[in-house]
Every structure is written in C-alpha cells, then in structure tokens.
Amino acid sequence: MSFADIFKDTNDWNEKTIVGFISFAVMIIVMIVDVITGWLGKDLVVNEFIYNSFMFITLGSFGIAGIEKFAGKK
C-alpha cells in the first residue's frame, strides 16, 4: 500500500483513529513533560487554548470513528 492509498475511500486504514491517536499521544507527551519540569522546579507554560484543541480533536476523532463502527458505513 502506498501513501496515496491511505486517502482513498476504500482502504484498510481508519484516518480518524490515526489522527485521534496522534493527538492523544501529543497530550500525553505534554503531560509527562509538565510533570518532569514541575519536578525540576520549573513551570511549563502551555496555552489552555492549544491543549483544549488537542482534546477536542482527540474526542472528535475517536467519537466519529466509534459511531461509524456501530452505525456502519453506507
């Protein structure tokens, strides 16, 4: 499978799940870095708007993928 095949309507990859996982991974990395910098006595400044954007992307991607799984594709 080539990279261009990922974006076709008929493929084995669920793009929404991939985007959701990447967004979730970024959120986890930010949390780990925040804990480490807090332990070192420094303050990690993360704009709340940016963090909430990743949260909405994660919830939206997994939510849409979950609804498609149970509702079926037409």
C-alpha atoms as a PDB file:
ATOM      1  CA  MET A   1       0.000   0.000   0.000  1.00  0.00           C
ATOM      2  CA  SER A   2       1.392   3.359  -0.969  1.00  0.00           C
ATOM      3  CA  PHE A   3       0.976   6.600   0.954  1.00  0.00           C
ATOM      4  CA  ALA A   4      -1.619   7.874  -1.538  1.00  0.00           C
ATOM      5  CA  ASP A   5      -3.777   4.772  -0.965  1.00  0.00           C
ATOM      6  CA  ILE A   6      -4.395   5.851   2.638  1.00  0.00           C
ATOM      7  CA  PHE A   7      -6.602   8.723   1.438  1.00  0.00           C
ATOM      8  CA  LYS A   8      -8.855   6.636  -0.810  1.00  0.00           C
ATOM      9  CA  ASP A   9     -12.361   5.763   0.324  1.00  0.00           C
ATOM     10  CA  THR A  10     -11.646   2.053   0.178  1.00  0.00           C
ATOM     11  CA  ASN A  11      -8.642   1.188   2.319  1.00  0.00           C
ATOM     12  CA  ASP A  12      -7.794  -0.719   5.484  1.00  0.00           C
ATOM     13  CA  TRP A  13      -6.789   2.391   7.473  1.00  0.00           C
ATOM     14  CA  ASN A  14      -9.143   4.482   9.577  1.00  0.00           C
ATOM     15  CA  GLU A  15      -7.788   8.008   9.230  1.00  0.00           C
ATOM     16  CA  LYS A  16      -9.899   9.369  12.084  1.00  0.00           C
ATOM     17  CA  THR A  17      -8.400   6.874  14.508  1.00  0.00           C
ATOM     18  CA  ILE A  18      -4.874   7.695  13.348  1.00  0.00           C
ATOM     19  CA  VAL A  19      -5.419  11.435  13.850  1.00  0.00           C
ATOM     20  CA  GLY A  20      -7.041  10.781  17.240  1.00  0.00           C
ATOM     21  CA  PHE A  21      -4.132   8.631  18.384  1.00  0.00           C
ATOM     22  CA  ILE A  22      -1.544  11.206  17.306  1.00  0.00           C
ATOM     23  CA  SER A  23      -3.461  13.952  19.112  1.00  0.00           C
ATOM     24  CA  PHE A  24      -3.751  11.777  22.232  1.00  0.00           C
ATOM     25  CA  ALA A  25      -0.030  10.997  22.088  1.00  0.00           C
ATOM     26  CA  VAL A  26       0.789  14.728  21.954  1.00  0.00           C
ATOM     27  CA  MET A  27      -1.415  15.308  25.010  1.00  0.00           C
ATOM     28  CA  ILE A  28       0.356  12.510  26.913  1.00  0.00           C
ATOM     29  CA  ILE A  29       3.801  13.855  25.964  1.00  0.00           C
ATOM     30  CA  VAL A  30       2.831  17.344  27.174  1.00  0.00           C
ATOM     31  CA  MET A  31       1.582  15.899  30.481  1.00  0.00           C
ATOM     32  CA  ILE A  32       4.800  13.919  31.004  1.00  0.00           C
ATOM     33  CA  VAL A  33       6.974  16.944  30.188  1.00  0.00           C
ATOM     34  CA  ASP A  34       4.839  19.071  32.551  1.00  0.00           C
ATOM     35  CA  VAL A  35       5.373  16.578  35.393  1.00  0.00           C
ATOM     36  CA  ILE A  36       9.120  16.425  34.734  1.00  0.00           C
ATOM     37  CA  THR A  37       9.516  20.203  34.568  1.00  0.00           C
ATOM     38  CA  GLY A  38       7.386  20.589  37.694  1.00  0.00           C
ATOM     39  CA  TRP A  39       9.613  18.084  39.480  1.00  0.00           C
ATOM     40  CA  LEU A  40      12.638  20.134  38.411  1.00  0.00           C
ATOM     41  CA  GLY A  41      11.035  23.277  39.820  1.00  0.00           C
ATOM     42  CA  LYS A  42      10.262  24.988  36.535  1.00  0.00           C
ATOM     43  CA  ASP A  43       6.850  25.969  35.202  1.00  0.00           C
ATOM     44  CA  LEU A  44       5.830  24.631  31.790  1.00  0.00           C
ATOM     45  CA  VAL A  45       3.529  27.195  30.214  1.00  0.00           C
ATOM     46  CA  VAL A  46       1.024  25.553  27.876  1.00  0.00           C
ATOM     47  CA  ASN A  47      -1.693  27.729  26.461  1.00  0.00           C
ATOM     48  CA  GLU A  48      -5.060  26.343  27.558  1.00  0.00           C
ATOM     49  CA  PHE A  49      -6.496  27.004  24.106  1.00  0.00           C
ATOM     50  CA  ILE A  50      -3.876  24.771  22.462  1.00  0.00           C
ATOM     51  CA  TYR A  51      -4.334  21.938  24.957  1.00  0.00           C
ATOM     52  CA  ASN A  52      -8.125  22.109  24.635  1.00  0.00           C
ATOM     53  CA  SER A  53      -7.785  22.000  20.843  1.00  0.00           C
ATOM     54  CA  PHE A  54      -5.894  18.714  21.075  1.00  0.00           C
ATOM     55  CA  MET A  55      -8.510  17.397  23.493  1.00  0.00           C
ATOM     56  CA  PHE A  56     -11.368  18.252  21.106  1.00  0.00           C
ATOM     57  CA  ILE A  57      -9.509  16.701  18.167  1.00  0.00           C
ATOM     58  CA  THR A  58      -8.978  13.509  20.179  1.00  0.00           C
ATOM     59  CA  LEU A  59     -12.566  13.274  21.383  1.00  0.00           C
ATOM     60  CA  GLY A  60     -13.974  14.163  17.978  1.00  0.00           C
ATOM     61  CA  SER A  61     -11.816  11.680  16.085  1.00  0.00           C
ATOM     62  CA  PHE A  62     -12.482   8.776  18.417  1.00  0.00           C
ATOM     63  CA  GLY A  63     -16.163   9.713  18.735  1.00  0.00           C
ATOM     64  CA  ILE A  64     -16.753   9.807  14.992  1.00  0.00           C
ATOM     65  CA  ALA A  65     -14.785   6.582  14.479  1.00  0.00           C
ATOM     66  CA  GLY A  66     -16.802   4.888  17.232  1.00  0.00           C
ATOM     67  CA  ILE A  67     -20.126   5.995  15.788  1.00  0.00           C
ATOM     68  CA  GLU A  68     -19.099   4.769  12.347  1.00  0.00           C
ATOM     69  CA  LYS A  69     -18.111   1.405  13.815  1.00  0.00           C
ATOM     70  CA  PHE A  70     -21.510   0.816  15.398  1.00  0.00           C
ATOM     71  CA  ALA A  71     -23.697   2.577  12.818  1.00  0.00           C
ATOM     72  CA  GLY A  72     -21.937   1.105   9.805  1.00  0.00           C
ATOM     73  CA  LYS A  73     -20.823   2.870   6.661  1.00  0.00           C
ATOM     74  CA  LYS A  74     -23.227   3.460   3.801  1.00  0.00           C
END
